[in-house]
Protein backbone atom coordinates (compact mmCIF):
# COMPACT_ATOMS: atom_id res chain seq x y z
CA MET A 1 3.31 18.27 26.43
CA ALA A 2 5.57 19.63 23.73
CA SER A 3 4.05 20.27 20.31
CA VAL A 4 6.21 17.56 18.73
CA LEU A 5 4.05 14.90 20.35
CA LYS A 6 0.92 15.93 18.49
CA LYS A 7 -0.03 13.31 15.93
CA ASP A 8 -2.05 14.18 12.85
CA SER A 9 -3.38 12.22 9.89
CA ALA A 10 -1.99 14.67 7.34
CA PHE A 11 1.40 12.98 7.53
CA GLU A 12 0.22 9.36 7.55
CA ASN A 13 0.96 9.05 3.84
CA ILE A 14 4.66 8.90 3.06
CA PRO A 15 5.88 12.51 3.04
CA SER A 16 8.74 13.56 0.81
CA THR A 17 12.21 14.01 2.23
CA LYS A 18 11.77 17.79 1.96
CA ALA A 19 8.40 17.63 3.71
CA LYS A 20 9.96 15.72 6.58
CA THR A 21 12.81 18.17 7.05
CA LEU A 22 10.48 21.16 6.70
CA ARG A 23 8.09 19.79 9.32
CA ILE A 24 10.99 19.46 11.75
CA ASN A 25 12.42 22.88 10.85
CA LEU A 26 9.06 24.56 11.38
CA ASN A 27 8.62 23.02 14.80
CA PRO A 28 9.84 25.79 17.12
CA ASP A 29 10.82 23.36 19.88
CA ILE A 30 13.13 20.90 18.08
CA TYR A 31 16.71 22.12 18.35
CA GLY A 32 20.00 20.30 18.07
CA THR A 33 23.36 19.43 16.57
CA PHE A 34 24.47 17.51 13.49
CA ALA A 35 27.86 15.82 13.70
CA GLU A 36 28.75 13.82 10.58
CA ILE A 37 32.18 12.43 9.77
CA GLY A 38 33.32 10.30 6.86
CA ALA A 39 30.73 10.99 4.17
CA GLY A 40 29.99 14.70 4.21
CA GLN A 41 27.20 16.76 5.74
CA GLU A 42 24.60 14.74 3.88
CA THR A 43 21.80 14.76 6.45
CA ALA A 44 22.30 18.36 7.54
CA ARG A 45 22.29 19.39 3.87
CA HIS A 46 18.63 18.33 3.52
CA PHE A 47 17.63 20.48 6.49
CA PHE A 48 19.53 23.52 5.19
CA ARG A 49 17.94 23.17 1.75
CA ALA A 50 14.40 22.81 3.09
CA GLY A 51 14.49 26.27 4.67
CA GLY A 52 13.90 27.44 8.22
CA ALA A 53 16.93 25.54 9.49
CA SER A 54 18.12 28.40 11.69
CA GLY A 55 15.51 27.49 14.27
CA THR A 56 16.48 23.82 14.24
CA ILE A 57 20.23 23.53 13.76
CA ALA A 58 22.39 24.73 16.61
CA LYS A 59 25.53 23.47 14.87
CA ALA A 60 26.54 21.28 11.97
CA MET A 61 30.10 20.02 11.94
CA SER A 62 32.53 17.50 10.53
CA ALA A 63 35.94 16.48 11.80
CA TYR A 64 37.54 14.61 8.92
CA ASP A 65 41.17 14.83 10.00
CA LYS A 66 41.81 12.04 12.51
CA SER A 67 44.02 14.17 14.72
CA PHE A 68 41.43 16.92 14.82
CA SER A 69 38.68 14.38 15.47
CA ASP A 70 40.70 12.88 18.32
CA ALA A 71 41.16 16.33 19.81
CA ILE A 72 37.39 16.74 19.92
CA TYR A 73 36.09 13.28 20.76
CA GLY A 74 39.15 11.52 22.17
CA THR A 75 41.13 8.60 20.80
CA GLU A 76 39.85 5.11 20.07
CA ASP A 77 41.62 2.16 21.72
CA LYS A 78 41.60 0.10 18.53
CA GLY A 79 42.06 3.04 16.17
CA ARG A 80 38.69 2.40 14.51
CA TYR A 81 36.84 5.58 13.67
CA VAL A 82 33.82 3.94 12.03
CA SER A 83 32.62 2.17 15.16
CA GLN A 84 29.89 2.24 17.75
CA PRO A 85 32.19 3.56 20.51
CA ARG A 86 33.07 6.48 18.22
CA LEU A 87 29.41 7.24 17.59
CA LYS A 88 28.69 7.14 21.33
CA LYS A 89 31.52 9.57 22.04
CA MET A 90 30.17 11.93 19.40
CA LEU A 91 26.69 11.82 20.91
CA ASP A 92 28.06 12.31 24.45
CA HIS A 93 30.24 15.27 23.49
CA GLU A 94 27.72 17.14 21.36
CA MET A 95 24.83 16.69 23.78
CA ARG A 96 26.97 17.88 26.66
CA LEU A 97 27.79 21.05 24.70
CA MET A 98 24.08 21.59 24.03
CA GLU A 99 23.31 21.41 27.73
CA GLU A 100 26.20 23.72 28.65
CA ARG A 101 25.60 26.38 26.01
CA ILE A 102 21.82 26.59 25.73
CA SER A 103 20.13 28.10 28.75
CA ARG A 104 17.11 26.19 29.97
CA GLU A 105 15.76 29.33 31.62
CA LYS A 106 15.65 31.14 28.29
CA ASN A 107 14.57 28.04 26.33
CA PRO A 108 12.19 26.10 28.61
CA ASP A 109 10.37 24.37 25.75
CA LYS A 110 13.34 23.32 23.62
CA LEU A 111 13.64 19.64 22.79
CA PHE A 112 17.34 18.94 22.50
CA PHE A 113 18.70 16.41 20.05
CA CYS A 114 22.03 15.31 18.66
CA PHE A 115 22.26 13.46 15.38
CA ALA A 116 25.58 11.82 14.54
CA ASN A 117 27.09 9.42 12.05
CA THR A 118 30.52 8.05 11.36
CA VAL A 119 30.70 6.46 7.94
CA ALA A 120 33.16 5.00 5.43
CA THR A 121 31.91 4.98 1.85
CA ILE A 122 33.21 2.70 -0.90
CA ASP A 123 36.98 2.76 -1.39
CA PHE A 124 38.67 3.80 -4.64
CA ALA A 125 39.44 0.18 -5.60
CA LYS A 126 35.79 -0.74 -4.91
CA LYS A 127 36.95 -3.63 -2.75
CA TYR A 128 35.04 -2.54 0.35
CA LYS A 129 31.56 -1.18 -0.24
CA GLY A 130 31.44 0.82 2.96
CA HIS A 131 29.43 0.91 6.16
CA GLY A 132 28.63 3.22 9.03
CA TRP A 133 27.01 3.95 12.37
CA VAL A 134 24.09 6.36 12.61
CA GLY A 135 22.36 7.52 15.77
CA ILE A 136 20.20 10.12 17.45
CA ARG A 137 19.99 11.07 21.12
CA TYR A 138 17.01 13.27 21.92
CA GLN A 139 14.15 14.20 24.21
CA LEU A 140 10.41 14.31 23.63
CA ASP A 141 9.70 16.41 26.69
CA PRO A 142 11.85 19.38 27.78
CA ASN A 143 11.66 18.14 31.38
CA GLN A 144 12.89 14.69 30.38
CA LYS A 145 16.10 14.02 32.32
CA GLU A 146 17.07 10.79 30.58
CA TYR A 147 17.43 10.94 26.83
CA ASP A 148 15.99 8.53 24.31
CA GLU A 149 18.38 7.03 21.80
CA ILE A 150 18.25 5.08 18.56
CA VAL A 151 21.43 3.61 17.10
CA LEU A 152 21.73 1.62 13.90
CA HIS A 153 24.42 0.13 11.70
CA ILE A 154 24.22 0.31 7.92
CA ARG A 155 25.98 -1.41 5.03
CA PHE A 156 26.07 0.12 1.58
CA LYS A 157 25.33 -1.95 -1.51
CA GLN A 158 25.81 0.78 -4.10
CA THR A 159 29.07 1.01 -6.02
CA GLU A 160 29.49 4.80 -6.20
CA ALA A 161 30.46 6.99 -3.27
CA ARG A 162 28.16 9.79 -4.43
CA LEU A 163 25.12 7.49 -4.43
CA GLN A 164 26.05 6.15 -1.00
CA GLN A 165 26.28 9.69 0.34
CA GLU A 166 22.85 10.54 -1.03
CA THR A 167 21.36 7.41 0.52
CA LEU A 168 23.00 8.23 3.84
CA GLY A 169 21.44 11.69 3.82
CA ILE A 170 17.95 10.30 3.24
CA ILE A 171 18.20 7.61 5.89
CA GLY A 172 19.42 10.26 8.33
CA VAL A 173 16.35 12.40 7.64
CA ASN A 174 14.10 9.36 8.02
CA LEU A 175 15.69 8.50 11.37
CA ILE A 176 15.29 12.01 12.81
CA TYR A 177 11.73 12.30 11.55
CA GLY A 178 10.83 8.85 12.85
CA ALA A 179 12.43 9.54 16.22
CA PHE A 180 10.20 12.56 16.82
CA TYR A 181 6.99 11.62 15.04
CA LYS A 182 6.89 7.81 14.98
CA TYR A 183 8.57 6.95 18.28
CA HIS A 184 5.30 5.44 19.57
CA LYS A 185 5.35 2.90 16.72
CA PRO A 186 8.92 1.53 16.73
CA ARG A 187 8.13 -1.27 14.28
CA LYS A 188 6.76 1.19 11.75
CA LEU A 189 9.64 3.52 12.52
CA LEU A 190 11.98 0.80 11.25
CA LYS A 191 10.02 0.47 8.02
CA TYR A 192 9.97 4.23 7.53
CA LEU A 193 13.77 4.27 7.53
CA TYR A 194 13.49 3.04 3.93
CA ASP A 195 11.18 5.83 2.78
CA HIS A 196 12.44 6.93 -0.66
CA ILE A 197 15.24 4.32 -0.52
CA ASP A 198 15.37 1.02 -2.38
CA LYS A 199 16.17 -1.92 -0.12
CA ASP A 200 18.83 -3.13 -2.53
CA THR A 201 20.86 0.05 -1.93
CA ILE A 202 21.45 -0.24 1.79
CA GLU A 203 21.27 -2.85 4.57
CA ILE A 204 20.41 -2.22 8.21
CA ASP A 205 21.87 -5.09 10.22
CA MET A 206 21.62 -3.76 13.76
CA VAL A 207 19.40 -1.41 15.71
CA ASN A 208 19.02 -0.63 19.40
CA PHE A 209 16.39 1.51 21.10
CA SER A 210 16.95 2.88 24.60
CA GLY A 211 15.54 5.52 26.90
CA PRO A 212 12.33 6.22 28.84
CA ASN A 213 10.03 6.18 25.80
CA PHE A 214 11.43 2.82 24.69
CA LYS A 215 11.29 0.98 28.00
CA GLU A 216 8.73 -1.45 26.62
CA VAL A 217 10.76 -2.13 23.46
CA ASP A 218 12.60 -5.46 23.40
CA ASN A 219 15.54 -5.01 21.04
CA ARG A 220 15.56 -8.71 20.21
CA LEU A 221 12.10 -8.27 18.75
CA MET A 222 13.35 -5.27 16.79
CA SER A 223 16.09 -7.52 15.38
CA LEU A 224 13.40 -9.90 14.21
CA GLN A 225 11.69 -7.01 12.40
CA LEU A 226 14.89 -6.34 10.44
CA ILE A 227 14.78 -9.92 9.17
CA LYS A 228 11.04 -9.95 8.51
CA ASN A 229 11.24 -6.67 6.59
CA ASP A 230 14.13 -7.92 4.40
CA MET A 231 16.44 -5.24 5.75
CA THR A 232 19.21 -7.77 6.41
CA ASP A 233 20.04 -11.48 6.17
CA ALA A 234 21.07 -12.11 9.77
CA VAL A 235 20.89 -10.48 13.17
CA MET A 236 22.48 -11.30 16.51
CA PHE A 237 21.84 -10.55 20.16
CA GLY A 238 23.75 -11.33 23.31
CA PRO A 239 22.79 -12.87 26.66
CA ASP A 240 21.77 -9.42 27.94
CA GLY A 241 19.17 -9.08 25.18
CA ASN A 242 20.91 -6.22 23.42
CA ASN A 243 21.45 -6.47 19.70
CA LEU A 244 24.97 -7.07 18.42
CA LEU A 245 26.64 -6.21 15.14
CA PRO A 246 27.48 -9.55 13.45
CA ALA A 247 30.57 -8.10 11.77
CA THR A 248 32.03 -7.11 15.15
CA VAL A 249 31.15 -10.38 16.89
CA LEU A 250 32.40 -12.63 14.08
CA TYR A 251 35.46 -10.68 12.92
CA LYS A 252 38.45 -13.03 12.62
CA LYS A 253 36.87 -15.47 15.08
CA ASN A 254 36.80 -19.25 15.13
CA ILE A 255 33.06 -19.91 14.90
CA LEU A 256 31.10 -22.88 16.19
CA ALA A 257 27.43 -22.74 15.13
CA LEU A 258 24.62 -24.91 16.44
CA ARG A 259 21.34 -24.75 14.50
CA GLY A 260 18.08 -25.80 16.07
CA SER A 261 14.52 -24.91 16.97
CA PHE A 262 15.33 -24.68 20.72
CA ARG A 263 11.61 -24.94 21.39
CA PRO A 264 12.47 -25.52 24.17
CA VAL A 265 16.20 -26.08 24.80
CA THR A 266 16.70 -29.73 25.77
CA LYS A 267 19.42 -31.86 27.32
CA VAL A 268 20.26 -33.08 23.81
CA ASN A 269 20.85 -29.49 22.62
CA MET A 270 23.24 -28.84 25.48
CA ASP A 271 25.01 -32.19 25.09
CA MET A 272 25.52 -31.42 21.39
CA PHE A 273 26.93 -28.02 22.27
CA GLU A 274 29.22 -29.15 25.08
CA LYS A 275 30.68 -32.19 23.32
CA SER A 276 31.20 -30.46 19.97
CA HIS A 277 32.72 -27.45 21.70
CA ASP A 278 35.24 -29.71 23.43
CA MET A 279 36.22 -31.18 20.06
CA PHE A 280 36.31 -27.76 18.43
CA VAL A 281 38.70 -26.18 20.92
CA ARG A 282 40.97 -29.24 20.91
CA ASP A 283 41.62 -28.69 17.21
CA GLN A 284 45.22 -27.48 16.78
CA THR A 285 44.12 -24.78 14.33
CA VAL A 286 41.71 -23.25 16.85
CA GLU A 287 43.13 -20.70 19.25
CA ASP A 288 41.43 -18.75 22.03
CA ASN A 289 39.58 -16.35 19.74
CA ASN A 290 36.33 -18.35 19.65
CA ILE A 291 32.61 -17.62 19.50
CA VAL A 292 29.69 -20.03 19.84
CA ILE A 293 26.49 -19.16 17.97
CA PHE A 294 23.07 -20.67 18.60
CA GLU A 295 21.29 -20.14 15.29
CA ILE A 296 17.60 -20.21 14.42
CA THR A 297 16.52 -19.86 10.80
CA LEU A 298 13.58 -17.73 9.74
CA SER A 299 12.10 -20.80 8.05
CA ASN A 300 12.16 -22.56 11.44
CA LEU A 301 10.31 -19.65 13.04
CA LYS A 302 7.72 -19.97 10.26
CA ALA A 303 7.43 -23.76 10.60
CA SER A 304 3.82 -23.56 11.85
CA GLY A 305 2.73 -20.71 9.59
CA GLU A 306 3.30 -17.03 10.30
CA ILE A 307 5.97 -16.08 12.81
CA ASP A 308 4.67 -16.19 16.37
CA GLU A 309 6.63 -13.38 18.00
CA GLN A 310 5.85 -14.55 21.52
CA ASP A 311 7.13 -18.00 20.61
CA PHE A 312 10.31 -16.40 19.27
CA MET A 313 10.74 -14.39 22.47
CA ASP A 314 10.28 -17.53 24.57
CA ARG A 315 13.10 -19.27 22.72
CA ALA A 316 15.29 -16.18 22.99
CA GLU A 317 14.59 -15.94 26.72
CA LEU A 318 15.78 -19.50 27.32
CA LEU A 319 18.95 -19.20 25.24
CA CYS A 320 19.86 -15.86 26.81
CA SER A 321 19.26 -17.25 30.29
CA LEU A 322 21.87 -19.92 29.49
CA GLY A 323 24.34 -17.19 28.56
CA HIS A 324 24.45 -17.79 24.81
CA THR A 325 24.76 -15.55 21.77
CA VAL A 326 21.87 -16.03 19.35
CA MET A 327 21.64 -15.52 15.60
CA ILE A 328 18.46 -15.34 13.53
CA SER A 329 19.14 -15.85 9.84
CA LYS A 330 17.43 -16.27 6.49
CA PHE A 331 19.86 -19.04 5.51
CA ARG A 332 17.84 -22.19 4.98
CA GLU A 333 20.84 -23.93 3.38
CA TYR A 334 23.99 -24.45 5.42
CA TYR A 335 26.30 -23.32 2.60
CA LYS A 336 24.72 -19.85 2.75
CA LEU A 337 25.38 -19.68 6.47
CA VAL A 338 29.03 -20.64 5.93
CA GLU A 339 29.38 -18.06 3.14
CA TYR A 340 28.03 -15.42 5.51
CA PHE A 341 30.52 -16.36 8.21
CA HIS A 342 33.35 -16.18 5.68
CA GLU A 343 32.55 -12.55 4.96
CA TYR A 344 34.01 -11.80 8.39
CA THR A 345 36.52 -14.55 9.14
CA LYS A 346 38.93 -16.92 7.45
CA ALA A 347 39.48 -18.90 10.64
CA ARG A 348 38.01 -22.30 11.54
CA ILE A 349 34.25 -22.83 11.26
CA GLY A 350 32.45 -25.71 12.92
CA LEU A 351 28.83 -26.77 12.39
CA THR A 352 27.21 -28.92 15.03
CA MET A 353 24.28 -30.92 13.69
CA GLY A 354 22.29 -34.10 14.06
CA VAL A 355 22.22 -36.98 11.60
CA ASN A 356 18.89 -35.85 10.16
CA ASN A 357 20.39 -32.46 9.29
CA LEU A 358 23.32 -34.13 7.55
CA VAL A 359 20.94 -36.21 5.46
CA ASP A 360 19.14 -33.02 4.40
CA ILE A 361 22.45 -31.49 3.27
CA PHE A 362 22.86 -34.35 0.81
CA ASP A 363 19.34 -33.92 -0.59
CA GLU A 364 19.53 -32.52 -4.13
CA LYS A 365 16.14 -30.80 -3.97
CA TYR A 366 17.60 -27.98 -1.90
CA TYR A 367 19.98 -26.99 -4.69
CA ASN A 368 17.76 -26.93 -7.79
CA HIS A 369 18.08 -23.14 -7.95
CA LEU A 370 21.86 -23.36 -8.39
CA SER A 371 23.24 -23.77 -11.91
CA GLY A 372 25.86 -26.16 -10.56
CA GLY A 373 23.40 -27.97 -8.32
CA ILE A 374 24.63 -29.79 -5.24
CA LEU A 375 28.25 -29.74 -6.44
CA GLU A 376 28.23 -25.95 -6.48
CA ALA A 377 26.73 -25.85 -3.01
CA PHE A 378 29.27 -28.31 -1.65
CA GLY A 379 32.09 -26.37 -3.24
CA LYS A 380 30.92 -23.33 -1.30
CA LEU A 381 30.36 -25.32 1.86
CA PHE A 382 33.31 -27.68 2.22
CA TYR A 383 36.24 -26.15 0.39
CA LYS A 384 36.61 -23.66 3.19
CA ASN A 385 38.13 -24.28 6.62
CA LEU A 386 35.08 -26.13 7.92
CA LYS A 387 34.21 -29.25 9.89
CA VAL A 388 30.88 -30.84 10.76
CA TYR A 389 30.51 -32.24 14.28
CA LEU A 390 27.86 -34.95 13.98
CA TYR A 391 25.63 -35.90 16.89
CA PRO A 392 24.09 -39.39 16.62
CA MET A 393 20.39 -40.09 16.30
CA LYS A 394 18.47 -43.07 17.61
CA ASN A 395 16.00 -44.61 15.16
CA GLU A 396 12.69 -44.59 17.02
CA GLU A 397 11.46 -47.70 15.21
CA THR A 398 14.54 -49.95 15.21
CA GLY A 399 16.48 -48.50 18.13
CA GLN A 400 19.62 -48.34 15.95
CA VAL A 401 22.02 -45.48 16.69
CA MET A 402 22.80 -43.63 13.46
CA THR A 403 26.27 -42.10 12.97
CA SER A 404 28.35 -40.99 10.00
CA ASN A 405 29.27 -44.64 9.41
CA ASN A 406 25.76 -45.96 8.82
CA VAL A 407 23.80 -42.87 7.80
CA GLN A 408 21.63 -43.42 4.72
CA VAL A 409 21.98 -40.86 1.93
CA HIS A 410 20.55 -41.05 -1.57
CA PRO A 411 22.38 -43.65 -3.72
CA ARG A 412 23.53 -40.94 -6.14
CA MET A 413 25.12 -39.09 -3.21
CA LYS A 414 27.04 -41.99 -1.68
CA GLU A 415 30.35 -41.36 -3.43
CA LEU A 416 30.14 -37.62 -2.76
CA TYR A 417 29.41 -38.35 0.89
CA LYS A 418 32.35 -40.74 1.14
CA PHE A 419 34.67 -38.09 -0.26
CA PHE A 420 33.85 -35.60 2.48
CA LYS A 421 33.62 -38.26 5.17
CA TYR A 422 37.09 -39.68 4.50
CA ASN A 423 38.63 -36.23 4.15
CA SER A 424 37.76 -35.60 7.81
CA LYS A 425 35.13 -32.96 7.04
CA VAL A 426 32.57 -34.92 9.08
CA MET A 427 33.51 -35.93 12.63
CA ASP A 428 31.35 -38.06 14.91
CA ILE A 429 30.68 -37.03 18.49
CA PHE A 430 31.43 -40.25 20.36
CA ASP A 431 31.24 -39.26 24.02
CA TYR A 432 27.54 -38.39 23.88
CA ASP A 433 25.05 -39.33 26.57
CA PRO A 434 23.15 -42.43 25.30
CA GLU A 435 20.45 -41.99 27.94
CA ILE A 436 19.06 -38.83 26.32
CA LEU A 437 18.94 -39.77 22.63
CA HIS A 438 15.17 -40.23 22.85
CA ILE A 439 14.63 -36.53 23.63
CA PHE A 440 13.26 -34.26 20.91
CA SER A 441 12.15 -30.65 21.42
CA ARG A 442 8.85 -31.20 19.62
CA ASN A 443 7.96 -34.09 21.94
CA VAL A 444 8.87 -32.08 25.05
CA LEU A 445 6.66 -29.24 23.84
CA LYS A 446 3.75 -31.63 23.32
CA LYS A 447 4.17 -32.92 26.85
CA MET A 448 4.15 -29.37 28.16
CA ILE A 449 0.99 -28.52 26.20
CA ASN A 450 -0.73 -31.73 27.32
CA ASN A 451 0.39 -31.13 30.89
CA GLU A 452 2.08 -34.54 31.02
CA LYS A 453 4.46 -35.39 33.83
CA GLY A 454 8.20 -35.71 33.37
CA TRP A 455 8.92 -33.08 30.72
CA GLU A 456 11.04 -31.17 33.21
CA ASP A 457 13.51 -34.08 33.39
CA GLU A 458 14.30 -33.73 29.67
CA LEU A 459 15.54 -30.16 30.00
CA PRO A 460 18.84 -28.78 31.34
CA GLU A 461 18.93 -27.94 35.00
CA GLY A 462 16.99 -24.78 35.83
CA ILE A 463 15.29 -24.44 32.42
CA ALA A 464 11.98 -25.89 33.58
CA ASP A 465 11.94 -23.43 36.48
CA ILE A 466 12.48 -20.52 34.07
CA ILE A 467 9.66 -21.77 31.81
CA LYS A 468 7.28 -21.98 34.76
CA GLU A 469 8.36 -18.74 36.40
CA LYS A 470 8.17 -16.65 33.21
CA LYS A 471 5.29 -18.68 31.75
CA LEU A 472 7.16 -19.32 28.52
CA PHE A 473 5.16 -21.04 25.76
CA ILE A 474 2.19 -20.39 28.05
CA ARG A 475 -0.01 -19.30 25.17
CA LYS A 476 0.14 -22.76 23.63
CA ILE A 477 -0.56 -24.40 26.98
CA THR A 478 -3.49 -22.02 27.63
CA GLN A 479 -4.90 -22.67 24.17
CA LYS A 480 -4.83 -26.41 24.84
CA GLU A 481 -6.57 -26.02 28.22
CA ASN A 482 -9.34 -23.90 26.66
CA VAL A 483 -10.15 -26.47 23.95
């Protein structure tokens, strides 16, 4: 096995940026290319300064002129140079050159790598703070045919281009070092990306691991780590389980968001989605450019204490199996979620919720931290192009069906509620299925745990089969059986 795989305790404490680059430079097997466009040769610079780079760096290059860059890497369909497709083309091109130009016969132990980034730093007017794509494609064994790869998206929070460039250089070093020396601990690898970087200087809002040494890594779980480690406020993943960049998915889209626990997904959840979606797309201001988001808040994942990662994965498995895009966010309050969406779109936003959620929105205790209180929150929530699609709730004690017309809010909130109600910001879902109003996820889960009959009938078609086949939520059921 190549020398890079040797693990020693000497480097368990956080090494300096120079120590990291020097360790890589002094490894005779690690050899590759640096391709950085948009923010200078910031990562390569650290390796050159550390010394011994001649044995590590095959080539360091930048192609700042768009025409020259296109001549090397090809054109982009949408003309976007700071994009994931651009990064992939850079990695493809540079790794292919490595394979063509470096003889394996003469270098049997070399571990090839290609580090690349395409970045836009803050503009002169300081209107856009800048962002970028950073990635590494590499091997941990010279006989490895399929390469490993780590790709991440970053957002700068600093307000000077020079500081952003310096931060980019450090995170690049951390990524390369982590890829070779911490690959066996991907969760810790994510944390180490912030070595010698303050979290308020840069945000990592997407990461994907791939390759033979990451076959056991579920990228959805890596997304959860970004949230847990305060690296970002929201992450998204698609039906295939791969992580998505929220900015790309949400950009200029009409967004319909459905918040819930989805533990498990019930017939009520799907009825809420289907009926509100029908209303959403019938709106004259909504065109074809739509996206539906099933959102789970971090506070919901922590509802029973610390986050149960298996429980999270079970929920994700069900939603992905239904073909939905999922968001995990830190936004306990709805107005924060809407503000986040409005960073990427000015189009229509719809929130699908139950009556109990609407009542919570009008509870003043959630807005004590705001100087303007609930009025400030509602200004942020409702002044934008937003509508609430309200699903009724059946009172378990009285049997009364609660809608926007008879919902009970605090007496001090009644006039405020009327204002938004009669300005068509809250719209009732009328064509709901009255036969399923008694279904609640928490009750279904209890039935599953207690092995009661009939819980399957309260779930969408096929969901019960998936739960049984993949043994989702099985830990809770097993725990109950062992009591």
